[in-house]
């Protein structure tokens, strides 16, 4: 159970939050490389901690998997606003955000088996993903359209599904370059100058 689920729990200390984020990043990397059933000792080694530290933060593998997924969704959601504020143009912000979305989708593929399992603890994650990320993508698309950089009326959900499909298309083909294909997709949104 996370602090936000507890409602009245004390906020985590800054170092405890950093440690948890380090564990989540390490777990995501191991999940991509070895799958979600990788030994906890591999995650601990990637994070530079002992396995007891993992279990202190995440008592079960399911807790860790859910936390990794939510951490990545939240990071991606927060990035949208930051990129709009710091990128030279809204289109540049959109392109950078979509690049990060590709990273997320690739990591999510490492989680795909468990997320599609019959375990009901994972059921709310897809709605969580849509609720957090579709509005961010919509805001980026709208900003780029208002700036006259892309054609107006783009659907965020459709774009995200398209990107996800391109990322999933690789299969076992080492020559398949999802990033290049997604780049072509995003370039196709541009209005001619």
N, C-alpha and C. Protein backbone atom coordinates (compact mmCIF):
# COMPACT_ATOMS: atom_id res chain seq x y z
N UNK A 1 0.85 -1.18 0.00
CA UNK A 1 0.00 0.00 0.00
C UNK A 1 0.89 1.23 0.00
N UNK A 2 0.59 2.17 -0.88
CA UNK A 2 1.40 3.38 -0.96
C UNK A 2 0.95 4.39 0.07
N UNK A 3 1.77 5.42 0.28
CA UNK A 3 1.41 6.47 1.22
C UNK A 3 0.11 7.13 0.84
N UNK A 4 -0.12 7.33 -0.45
CA UNK A 4 -1.35 7.99 -0.87
C UNK A 4 -2.56 7.10 -0.59
N UNK A 5 -2.39 5.78 -0.61
CA UNK A 5 -3.49 4.88 -0.30
C UNK A 5 -3.81 4.90 1.19
N UNK A 6 -2.85 5.18 2.01
CA UNK A 6 -3.06 5.17 3.46
C UNK A 6 -3.79 6.42 3.93
N UNK A 7 -3.76 7.48 3.14
CA UNK A 7 -4.49 8.70 3.48
C UNK A 7 -3.83 9.50 4.58
N UNK A 8 -3.70 8.95 5.77
CA UNK A 8 -3.18 9.71 6.89
C UNK A 8 -1.72 9.37 7.19
N UNK A 9 -1.10 8.58 6.38
CA UNK A 9 0.29 8.20 6.62
C UNK A 9 1.20 9.41 6.50
N UNK A 10 2.30 9.35 7.23
CA UNK A 10 3.28 10.42 7.15
C UNK A 10 3.91 10.42 5.77
N UNK A 11 4.23 11.61 5.24
CA UNK A 11 4.93 11.65 3.95
C UNK A 11 6.31 11.00 4.10
N UNK A 12 6.74 10.36 3.03
CA UNK A 12 8.07 9.75 3.05
C UNK A 12 9.14 10.82 3.10
N UNK A 13 10.22 10.50 3.78
CA UNK A 13 11.38 11.38 3.78
C UNK A 13 11.93 11.43 2.35
N UNK A 14 12.64 12.50 2.04
CA UNK A 14 13.19 12.68 0.69
C UNK A 14 14.11 11.53 0.31
N UNK A 15 14.95 11.05 1.23
CA UNK A 15 15.86 9.96 0.90
C UNK A 15 15.10 8.65 0.69
N UNK A 16 14.02 8.45 1.42
CA UNK A 16 13.21 7.24 1.23
C UNK A 16 12.53 7.29 -0.14
N UNK A 17 12.06 8.47 -0.54
CA UNK A 17 11.45 8.61 -1.88
C UNK A 17 12.48 8.33 -2.96
N UNK A 18 13.68 8.88 -2.80
CA UNK A 18 14.76 8.63 -3.78
C UNK A 18 15.09 7.15 -3.87
N UNK A 19 15.18 6.50 -2.70
CA UNK A 19 15.47 5.06 -2.69
C UNK A 19 14.38 4.27 -3.41
N UNK A 20 13.14 4.63 -3.16
CA UNK A 20 12.03 3.93 -3.81
C UNK A 20 12.09 4.17 -5.32
N UNK A 21 12.38 5.39 -5.75
CA UNK A 21 12.48 5.69 -7.18
C UNK A 21 13.64 4.93 -7.82
N UNK A 22 14.76 4.83 -7.12
CA UNK A 22 15.89 4.06 -7.62
C UNK A 22 15.50 2.60 -7.81
N UNK A 23 14.77 2.05 -6.83
CA UNK A 23 14.30 0.67 -6.94
C UNK A 23 13.34 0.51 -8.13
N UNK A 24 12.46 1.48 -8.32
CA UNK A 24 11.49 1.38 -9.42
C UNK A 24 12.19 1.45 -10.77
N UNK A 25 13.16 2.34 -10.89
CA UNK A 25 13.92 2.44 -12.15
C UNK A 25 14.71 1.16 -12.41
N UNK A 26 15.32 0.62 -11.36
CA UNK A 26 16.09 -0.62 -11.51
C UNK A 26 15.16 -1.77 -11.88
N UNK A 27 14.01 -1.86 -11.22
CA UNK A 27 13.06 -2.93 -11.53
C UNK A 27 12.58 -2.82 -12.97
N UNK A 28 12.30 -1.61 -13.43
CA UNK A 28 11.86 -1.43 -14.82
C UNK A 28 12.92 -1.92 -15.79
N UNK A 29 14.17 -1.59 -15.53
CA UNK A 29 15.26 -2.02 -16.42
C UNK A 29 15.39 -3.54 -16.42
N UNK A 30 15.29 -4.15 -15.26
CA UNK A 30 15.39 -5.61 -15.18
C UNK A 30 14.18 -6.26 -15.84
N UNK A 31 13.00 -5.69 -15.65
CA UNK A 31 11.79 -6.26 -16.28
C UNK A 31 11.92 -6.24 -17.79
N UNK A 32 12.47 -5.17 -18.35
CA UNK A 32 12.64 -5.10 -19.80
C UNK A 32 13.64 -6.16 -20.27
N UNK A 33 14.74 -6.28 -19.55
CA UNK A 33 15.80 -7.21 -19.96
C UNK A 33 15.45 -8.67 -19.71
N UNK A 34 14.79 -8.95 -18.57
CA UNK A 34 14.63 -10.35 -18.15
C UNK A 34 13.20 -10.77 -17.86
N UNK A 35 12.26 -9.85 -17.98
CA UNK A 35 10.86 -10.19 -17.67
C UNK A 35 10.54 -9.94 -16.21
N UNK A 36 9.25 -9.93 -15.91
CA UNK A 36 8.81 -9.59 -14.56
C UNK A 36 9.07 -10.68 -13.54
N UNK A 37 9.44 -11.85 -13.99
CA UNK A 37 9.74 -12.93 -13.04
C UNK A 37 11.23 -13.02 -12.73
N UNK A 38 11.98 -12.02 -13.13
CA UNK A 38 13.42 -12.00 -12.82
C UNK A 38 13.60 -12.06 -11.31
N UNK A 39 14.67 -12.68 -10.86
CA UNK A 39 14.92 -12.77 -9.42
C UNK A 39 15.05 -11.39 -8.78
N UNK A 40 14.51 -11.27 -7.59
CA UNK A 40 14.61 -10.01 -6.84
C UNK A 40 16.07 -9.62 -6.62
N UNK A 41 16.94 -10.60 -6.51
CA UNK A 41 18.36 -10.27 -6.31
C UNK A 41 18.92 -9.51 -7.51
N UNK A 42 18.39 -9.79 -8.73
CA UNK A 42 18.84 -9.05 -9.92
C UNK A 42 18.42 -7.58 -9.83
N UNK A 43 17.20 -7.35 -9.35
CA UNK A 43 16.71 -5.98 -9.18
C UNK A 43 17.52 -5.28 -8.10
N UNK A 44 17.76 -5.99 -7.01
CA UNK A 44 18.56 -5.43 -5.92
C UNK A 44 19.95 -5.05 -6.40
N UNK A 45 20.57 -5.93 -7.19
CA UNK A 45 21.92 -5.64 -7.70
C UNK A 45 21.88 -4.43 -8.63
N UNK A 46 20.88 -4.34 -9.48
CA UNK A 46 20.75 -3.18 -10.39
C UNK A 46 20.59 -1.89 -9.61
N UNK A 47 19.86 -1.96 -8.49
CA UNK A 47 19.62 -0.77 -7.67
C UNK A 47 20.74 -0.50 -6.67
N UNK A 48 21.62 -1.48 -6.47
CA UNK A 48 22.70 -1.30 -5.51
C UNK A 48 22.24 -1.41 -4.06
N UNK A 49 21.22 -2.25 -3.83
CA UNK A 49 20.69 -2.44 -2.47
C UNK A 49 20.56 -3.93 -2.20
N UNK A 50 20.20 -4.27 -0.99
CA UNK A 50 19.92 -5.67 -0.65
C UNK A 50 18.47 -6.00 -0.94
N UNK A 51 18.18 -7.29 -1.06
CA UNK A 51 16.80 -7.70 -1.35
C UNK A 51 15.83 -7.30 -0.24
N UNK A 52 16.32 -7.25 0.99
CA UNK A 52 15.46 -6.84 2.10
C UNK A 52 14.92 -5.43 1.89
N UNK A 53 15.73 -4.57 1.27
CA UNK A 53 15.29 -3.20 0.99
C UNK A 53 14.11 -3.21 0.02
N UNK A 54 14.17 -4.07 -0.98
CA UNK A 54 13.06 -4.17 -1.93
C UNK A 54 11.79 -4.58 -1.19
N UNK A 55 11.89 -5.62 -0.38
CA UNK A 55 10.71 -6.12 0.32
C UNK A 55 10.19 -5.13 1.37
N UNK A 56 11.06 -4.29 1.89
CA UNK A 56 10.62 -3.27 2.84
C UNK A 56 9.72 -2.25 2.12
N UNK A 57 10.09 -1.91 0.89
CA UNK A 57 9.30 -0.95 0.11
C UNK A 57 8.11 -1.63 -0.58
N UNK A 58 8.31 -2.84 -1.07
CA UNK A 58 7.31 -3.54 -1.88
C UNK A 58 7.21 -4.98 -1.39
N UNK A 59 6.29 -5.26 -0.47
CA UNK A 59 6.21 -6.58 0.16
C UNK A 59 5.98 -7.74 -0.81
N UNK A 60 5.32 -7.49 -1.94
CA UNK A 60 5.08 -8.57 -2.90
C UNK A 60 5.56 -8.14 -4.28
N UNK A 61 5.76 -9.12 -5.15
CA UNK A 61 6.15 -8.84 -6.54
C UNK A 61 5.06 -8.00 -7.21
N UNK A 62 3.79 -8.30 -6.94
CA UNK A 62 2.69 -7.53 -7.53
C UNK A 62 2.77 -6.07 -7.10
N UNK A 63 3.10 -5.82 -5.82
CA UNK A 63 3.25 -4.44 -5.36
C UNK A 63 4.34 -3.72 -6.16
N UNK A 64 5.43 -4.41 -6.41
CA UNK A 64 6.54 -3.82 -7.17
C UNK A 64 6.13 -3.55 -8.62
N UNK A 65 5.47 -4.51 -9.23
CA UNK A 65 5.06 -4.35 -10.63
C UNK A 65 4.10 -3.17 -10.78
N UNK A 66 3.12 -3.10 -9.90
CA UNK A 66 2.15 -1.99 -9.94
C UNK A 66 2.87 -0.67 -9.72
N UNK A 67 3.77 -0.63 -8.76
CA UNK A 67 4.50 0.61 -8.47
C UNK A 67 5.37 1.04 -9.64
N UNK A 68 6.02 0.10 -10.32
CA UNK A 68 6.84 0.43 -11.49
C UNK A 68 5.95 1.06 -12.56
N UNK A 69 4.84 0.42 -12.83
CA UNK A 69 3.93 0.92 -13.86
C UNK A 69 3.43 2.33 -13.51
N UNK A 70 2.96 2.51 -12.28
CA UNK A 70 2.44 3.81 -11.88
C UNK A 70 3.53 4.89 -11.87
N UNK A 71 4.72 4.52 -11.45
CA UNK A 71 5.84 5.47 -11.44
C UNK A 71 6.15 5.95 -12.85
N UNK A 72 6.14 5.03 -13.79
CA UNK A 72 6.43 5.41 -15.18
C UNK A 72 5.31 6.27 -15.76
N UNK A 73 4.07 5.93 -15.46
CA UNK A 73 2.95 6.74 -15.93
C UNK A 73 3.03 8.15 -15.35
N UNK A 74 3.29 8.25 -14.06
CA UNK A 74 3.37 9.57 -13.42
C UNK A 74 4.53 10.40 -13.98
N UNK A 75 5.66 9.77 -14.19
CA UNK A 75 6.81 10.49 -14.76
C UNK A 75 6.46 11.03 -16.14
N UNK A 76 5.79 10.23 -16.92
CA UNK A 76 5.40 10.64 -18.27
C UNK A 76 4.35 11.74 -18.23
N UNK A 77 3.40 11.63 -17.31
CA UNK A 77 2.37 12.67 -17.18
C UNK A 77 2.99 14.01 -16.78
N UNK A 78 3.89 13.98 -15.83
CA UNK A 78 4.54 15.22 -15.37
C UNK A 78 5.43 15.83 -16.44
N UNK A 79 6.00 14.99 -17.28
CA UNK A 79 6.90 15.48 -18.33
C UNK A 79 6.17 16.35 -19.34
N UNK A 80 4.90 16.09 -19.60
CA UNK A 80 4.17 16.88 -20.59
C UNK A 80 4.17 18.35 -20.27
N UNK A 81 3.81 18.70 -19.06
CA UNK A 81 3.78 20.10 -18.63
C UNK A 81 5.18 20.71 -18.66
N UNK A 82 6.14 19.96 -18.15
CA UNK A 82 7.53 20.45 -18.14
C UNK A 82 8.04 20.72 -19.55
N UNK A 83 7.75 19.81 -20.47
CA UNK A 83 8.23 19.97 -21.84
C UNK A 83 7.57 21.16 -22.53
N UNK A 84 6.29 21.38 -22.28
CA UNK A 84 5.63 22.55 -22.87
C UNK A 84 6.26 23.85 -22.37
N UNK A 85 6.69 23.85 -21.12
CA UNK A 85 7.28 25.05 -20.53
C UNK A 85 8.72 25.28 -20.97
N UNK A 86 9.43 24.23 -21.33
CA UNK A 86 10.87 24.38 -21.58
C UNK A 86 11.30 24.15 -23.03
N UNK A 87 10.45 23.57 -23.84
CA UNK A 87 10.83 23.28 -25.23
C UNK A 87 10.70 24.54 -26.09
N UNK A 88 11.48 24.62 -27.16
CA UNK A 88 11.43 25.81 -28.01
C UNK A 88 10.08 26.01 -28.70
N UNK A 89 9.37 24.91 -28.98
CA UNK A 89 8.05 24.99 -29.62
C UNK A 89 7.17 23.89 -29.05
N UNK A 90 5.85 24.06 -29.17
CA UNK A 90 4.96 22.97 -28.75
C UNK A 90 5.19 21.68 -29.55
N UNK A 91 5.51 21.81 -30.84
CA UNK A 91 5.78 20.62 -31.65
C UNK A 91 7.03 19.89 -31.12
N UNK A 92 8.04 20.64 -30.74
CA UNK A 92 9.24 20.02 -30.15
C UNK A 92 8.89 19.31 -28.85
N UNK A 93 8.02 19.93 -28.04
CA UNK A 93 7.57 19.31 -26.79
C UNK A 93 6.82 18.01 -27.09
N UNK A 94 5.95 18.05 -28.09
CA UNK A 94 5.20 16.85 -28.49
C UNK A 94 6.16 15.75 -28.93
N UNK A 95 7.12 16.08 -29.76
CA UNK A 95 8.08 15.08 -30.25
C UNK A 95 8.88 14.47 -29.12
N UNK A 96 9.33 15.28 -28.19
CA UNK A 96 10.09 14.77 -27.04
C UNK A 96 9.21 13.89 -26.17
N UNK A 97 7.98 14.31 -25.94
CA UNK A 97 7.07 13.53 -25.10
C UNK A 97 6.76 12.18 -25.75
N UNK A 98 6.53 12.19 -27.05
CA UNK A 98 6.26 10.94 -27.75
C UNK A 98 7.48 10.02 -27.67
N UNK A 99 8.69 10.58 -27.74
CA UNK A 99 9.90 9.76 -27.55
C UNK A 99 9.91 9.10 -26.18
N UNK A 100 9.51 9.83 -25.17
CA UNK A 100 9.44 9.25 -23.82
C UNK A 100 8.31 8.22 -23.73
N UNK A 101 7.23 8.49 -24.44
CA UNK A 101 6.13 7.53 -24.48
C UNK A 101 6.60 6.22 -25.12
N UNK A 102 7.41 6.32 -26.16
CA UNK A 102 7.98 5.11 -26.78
C UNK A 102 8.80 4.34 -25.74
N UNK A 103 9.63 5.04 -24.97
CA UNK A 103 10.39 4.37 -23.91
C UNK A 103 9.46 3.64 -22.95
N UNK A 104 8.37 4.30 -22.57
CA UNK A 104 7.40 3.70 -21.66
C UNK A 104 6.78 2.45 -22.28
N UNK A 105 6.37 2.56 -23.55
CA UNK A 105 5.71 1.42 -24.21
C UNK A 105 6.66 0.24 -24.29
N UNK A 106 7.92 0.51 -24.58
CA UNK A 106 8.90 -0.57 -24.66
C UNK A 106 9.05 -1.24 -23.28
N UNK A 107 9.10 -0.44 -22.23
CA UNK A 107 9.18 -0.99 -20.87
C UNK A 107 7.90 -1.75 -20.55
N UNK A 108 6.77 -1.20 -20.94
CA UNK A 108 5.48 -1.84 -20.67
C UNK A 108 5.42 -3.21 -21.32
N UNK A 109 6.06 -3.37 -22.47
CA UNK A 109 6.05 -4.67 -23.11
C UNK A 109 6.73 -5.71 -22.23
N UNK A 110 7.70 -5.29 -21.43
CA UNK A 110 8.30 -6.19 -20.46
C UNK A 110 7.31 -6.60 -19.37
N UNK A 111 6.30 -5.76 -19.15
CA UNK A 111 5.28 -6.03 -18.15
C UNK A 111 4.03 -6.66 -18.75
N UNK A 112 3.97 -6.76 -20.08
CA UNK A 112 2.73 -7.13 -20.77
C UNK A 112 2.14 -8.44 -20.28
N UNK A 113 2.95 -9.45 -20.07
CA UNK A 113 2.42 -10.76 -19.68
C UNK A 113 1.65 -10.66 -18.37
N UNK A 114 2.25 -10.02 -17.40
CA UNK A 114 1.59 -9.95 -16.10
C UNK A 114 0.40 -8.99 -16.15
N UNK A 115 0.49 -7.91 -16.92
CA UNK A 115 -0.62 -6.97 -16.99
C UNK A 115 -1.83 -7.58 -17.67
N UNK A 116 -1.61 -8.59 -18.50
CA UNK A 116 -2.72 -9.26 -19.18
C UNK A 116 -3.14 -10.54 -18.46
N UNK A 117 -2.61 -10.76 -17.27
CA UNK A 117 -2.94 -11.97 -16.52
C UNK A 117 -4.35 -11.86 -15.94
N UNK A 118 -4.77 -12.93 -15.31
CA UNK A 118 -6.09 -12.96 -14.68
C UNK A 118 -6.09 -12.37 -13.28
N UNK A 119 -4.95 -11.91 -12.81
CA UNK A 119 -4.86 -11.37 -11.46
C UNK A 119 -5.59 -10.02 -11.41
N UNK A 120 -6.65 -9.90 -10.61
CA UNK A 120 -7.44 -8.67 -10.60
C UNK A 120 -6.71 -7.45 -10.04
N UNK A 121 -5.58 -7.64 -9.38
CA UNK A 121 -4.87 -6.48 -8.84
C UNK A 121 -4.33 -5.57 -9.95
N UNK A 122 -4.20 -6.14 -11.17
CA UNK A 122 -3.69 -5.35 -12.29
C UNK A 122 -4.79 -4.70 -13.12
N UNK A 123 -6.04 -5.05 -12.88
CA UNK A 123 -7.15 -4.56 -13.69
C UNK A 123 -7.24 -3.03 -13.78
N UNK A 124 -7.04 -2.30 -12.70
CA UNK A 124 -7.20 -0.83 -12.79
C UNK A 124 -6.08 -0.10 -13.54
N UNK A 125 -5.01 -0.78 -13.87
CA UNK A 125 -3.85 -0.09 -14.44
C UNK A 125 -4.11 0.49 -15.82
N UNK A 126 -4.89 -0.17 -16.65
CA UNK A 126 -5.14 0.37 -18.00
C UNK A 126 -5.94 1.66 -17.90
N UNK A 127 -6.96 1.69 -17.06
CA UNK A 127 -7.74 2.92 -16.88
C UNK A 127 -6.87 4.03 -16.30
N UNK A 128 -6.01 3.67 -15.37
CA UNK A 128 -5.09 4.63 -14.77
C UNK A 128 -4.21 5.25 -15.85
N UNK A 129 -3.68 4.41 -16.72
CA UNK A 129 -2.85 4.84 -17.84
C UNK A 129 -3.61 5.83 -18.72
N UNK A 130 -4.82 5.48 -19.12
CA UNK A 130 -5.61 6.35 -19.99
C UNK A 130 -5.98 7.65 -19.29
N UNK A 131 -6.42 7.55 -18.05
CA UNK A 131 -6.84 8.75 -17.31
C UNK A 131 -5.70 9.75 -17.13
N UNK A 132 -4.49 9.26 -16.96
CA UNK A 132 -3.35 10.15 -16.73
C UNK A 132 -2.70 10.65 -18.01
N UNK A 133 -2.62 9.80 -19.06
CA UNK A 133 -1.80 10.16 -20.22
C UNK A 133 -2.57 10.72 -21.41
N UNK A 134 -3.81 10.31 -21.62
CA UNK A 134 -4.55 10.87 -22.76
C UNK A 134 -4.71 12.38 -22.62
N UNK A 135 -5.05 12.91 -21.44
CA UNK A 135 -5.16 14.38 -21.32
C UNK A 135 -3.83 15.10 -21.58
N UNK A 136 -2.72 14.49 -21.19
CA UNK A 136 -1.41 15.10 -21.41
C UNK A 136 -1.12 15.16 -22.91
N UNK A 137 -1.33 14.06 -23.60
CA UNK A 137 -1.11 14.04 -25.04
C UNK A 137 -2.05 15.02 -25.74
N UNK A 138 -3.30 15.09 -25.29
CA UNK A 138 -4.27 16.04 -25.86
C UNK A 138 -3.77 17.47 -25.70
N UNK A 139 -3.26 17.80 -24.52
CA UNK A 139 -2.75 19.15 -24.26
C UNK A 139 -1.57 19.47 -25.19
N UNK A 140 -0.69 18.51 -25.40
CA UNK A 140 0.45 18.72 -26.29
C UNK A 140 -0.01 18.90 -27.75
N UNK A 141 -0.93 18.07 -28.18
CA UNK A 141 -1.46 18.20 -29.55
C UNK A 141 -2.17 19.53 -29.74
N UNK A 142 -2.99 19.92 -28.77
CA UNK A 142 -3.71 21.19 -28.87
C UNK A 142 -2.75 22.38 -28.91
N UNK A 143 -1.71 22.34 -28.10
CA UNK A 143 -0.74 23.44 -28.10
C UNK A 143 -0.03 23.54 -29.44
N UNK A 144 0.36 22.40 -30.01
CA UNK A 144 1.03 22.41 -31.31
C UNK A 144 0.07 22.87 -32.41
N UNK A 145 -1.19 22.50 -32.31
CA UNK A 145 -2.18 22.93 -33.31
C UNK A 145 -2.43 24.44 -33.18
N UNK A 146 -2.56 24.93 -31.96
CA UNK A 146 -2.79 26.36 -31.74
C UNK A 146 -1.61 27.19 -32.24
N UNK A 147 -0.41 26.63 -32.19
CA UNK A 147 0.78 27.32 -32.69
C UNK A 147 0.88 27.21 -34.22
N UNK A 148 -0.04 26.48 -34.82
CA UNK A 148 -0.02 26.31 -36.27
C UNK A 148 1.03 25.34 -36.77
N UNK A 149 1.57 24.51 -35.87
CA UNK A 149 2.65 23.59 -36.24
C UNK A 149 2.14 22.26 -36.77
N UNK A 150 0.96 21.83 -36.33
CA UNK A 150 0.39 20.57 -36.80
C UNK A 150 -1.06 20.82 -37.22
N UNK A 151 -1.59 19.86 -37.93
CA UNK A 151 -3.00 19.93 -38.31
C UNK A 151 -3.85 19.80 -37.06
N UNK A 152 -4.89 20.63 -36.96
CA UNK A 152 -5.79 20.58 -35.81
C UNK A 152 -6.64 19.32 -35.87
N UNK A 153 -7.21 18.99 -34.73
CA UNK A 153 -8.17 17.89 -34.67
C UNK A 153 -7.58 16.51 -34.49
N UNK A 154 -6.32 16.43 -34.08
CA UNK A 154 -5.70 15.11 -33.86
C UNK A 154 -6.25 14.49 -32.58
N UNK A 155 -6.47 13.21 -32.59
CA UNK A 155 -7.00 12.49 -31.44
C UNK A 155 -5.85 11.84 -30.67
N UNK A 156 -5.70 12.22 -29.41
CA UNK A 156 -4.59 11.73 -28.59
C UNK A 156 -4.63 10.22 -28.41
N UNK A 157 -5.80 9.69 -28.12
CA UNK A 157 -5.91 8.25 -27.91
C UNK A 157 -5.51 7.49 -29.17
N UNK A 158 -5.98 7.96 -30.31
CA UNK A 158 -5.64 7.32 -31.58
C UNK A 158 -4.13 7.38 -31.84
N UNK A 159 -3.53 8.54 -31.59
CA UNK A 159 -2.09 8.68 -31.78
C UNK A 159 -1.32 7.73 -30.85
N UNK A 160 -1.73 7.67 -29.60
CA UNK A 160 -1.03 6.82 -28.64
C UNK A 160 -1.18 5.34 -29.02
N UNK A 161 -2.34 4.95 -29.50
CA UNK A 161 -2.52 3.57 -29.96
C UNK A 161 -1.64 3.28 -31.18
N UNK A 162 -1.55 4.27 -32.07
CA UNK A 162 -0.69 4.11 -33.24
C UNK A 162 0.77 3.93 -32.86
N UNK A 163 1.23 4.75 -31.93
CA UNK A 163 2.61 4.64 -31.45
C UNK A 163 2.81 3.27 -30.79
N UNK A 164 1.85 2.86 -29.97
CA UNK A 164 1.95 1.56 -29.32
C UNK A 164 2.01 0.42 -30.34
N UNK A 165 1.21 0.54 -31.39
CA UNK A 165 1.23 -0.48 -32.43
C UNK A 165 2.56 -0.54 -33.15
N UNK A 166 3.13 0.63 -33.43
CA UNK A 166 4.45 0.66 -34.08
C UNK A 166 5.52 0.05 -33.17
N UNK A 167 5.42 0.31 -31.88
CA UNK A 167 6.40 -0.24 -30.95
C UNK A 167 6.26 -1.75 -30.82
N UNK A 168 5.04 -2.25 -30.91
CA UNK A 168 4.81 -3.68 -30.76
C UNK A 168 5.14 -4.46 -32.03
N UNK A 169 5.29 -3.77 -33.15
CA UNK A 169 5.46 -4.43 -34.43
C UNK A 169 6.79 -5.10 -34.66
N UNK A 170 7.76 -4.87 -33.82
CA UNK A 170 9.10 -5.39 -34.05
C UNK A 170 9.18 -6.90 -34.01
N UNK A 171 8.45 -7.50 -33.10
CA UNK A 171 8.58 -8.95 -32.94
C UNK A 171 10.03 -9.30 -32.66
N UNK A 172 10.56 -10.26 -33.40
CA UNK A 172 11.96 -10.67 -33.22
C UNK A 172 12.87 -10.10 -34.31
N UNK A 173 12.37 -9.14 -35.06
CA UNK A 173 13.14 -8.58 -36.17
C UNK A 173 14.11 -7.51 -35.65
N UNK A 174 15.41 -7.79 -35.65
CA UNK A 174 16.37 -6.80 -35.13
C UNK A 174 16.51 -5.58 -36.03
N UNK A 175 16.07 -5.66 -37.27
CA UNK A 175 16.16 -4.51 -38.19
C UNK A 175 14.99 -3.55 -38.04
N UNK A 176 13.96 -3.95 -37.33
CA UNK A 176 12.78 -3.12 -37.14
C UNK A 176 13.14 -1.96 -36.21
N UNK A 177 12.88 -0.74 -36.64
CA UNK A 177 13.24 0.44 -35.85
C UNK A 177 11.98 1.23 -35.53
N UNK A 178 11.38 0.90 -34.38
CA UNK A 178 10.14 1.56 -33.97
C UNK A 178 10.34 3.06 -33.82
N UNK A 179 11.48 3.49 -33.31
CA UNK A 179 11.71 4.93 -33.12
C UNK A 179 11.69 5.68 -34.45
N UNK A 180 12.29 5.09 -35.47
CA UNK A 180 12.29 5.74 -36.78
C UNK A 180 10.87 5.84 -37.31
N UNK A 181 10.09 4.76 -37.17
CA UNK A 181 8.72 4.76 -37.66
C UNK A 181 7.85 5.74 -36.88
N UNK A 182 8.03 5.81 -35.58
CA UNK A 182 7.27 6.79 -34.78
C UNK A 182 7.67 8.20 -35.18
N UNK A 183 8.95 8.42 -35.46
CA UNK A 183 9.40 9.73 -35.94
C UNK A 183 8.71 10.14 -37.24
N UNK A 184 8.53 9.17 -38.14
CA UNK A 184 7.81 9.44 -39.39
C UNK A 184 6.35 9.77 -39.11
N UNK A 185 5.75 9.06 -38.17
CA UNK A 185 4.37 9.33 -37.80
C UNK A 185 4.22 10.76 -37.27
N UNK A 186 5.10 11.16 -36.38
CA UNK A 186 5.02 12.50 -35.79
C UNK A 186 5.32 13.56 -36.84
N UNK A 187 6.27 13.28 -37.74
CA UNK A 187 6.56 14.23 -38.83
C UNK A 187 5.33 14.41 -39.71
N UNK A 188 4.53 13.37 -39.87
CA UNK A 188 3.34 13.45 -40.69
C UNK A 188 2.26 14.35 -40.12
N UNK A 189 2.36 14.68 -38.85
CA UNK A 189 1.40 15.60 -38.23
C UNK A 189 1.67 17.06 -38.61
N UNK A 190 2.89 17.35 -39.05
CA UNK A 190 3.30 18.75 -39.31
C UNK A 190 2.53 19.35 -40.45
N UNK A 191 2.22 20.59 -40.28
CA UNK A 191 1.59 21.37 -41.36
C UNK A 191 2.70 21.83 -42.29
N UNK A 192 2.46 21.80 -43.59
CA UNK A 192 3.47 22.31 -44.52
C UNK A 192 3.67 23.81 -44.30
N UNK A 193 4.87 24.24 -44.47
CA UNK A 193 5.18 25.68 -44.29
C UNK A 193 5.34 26.34 -45.61
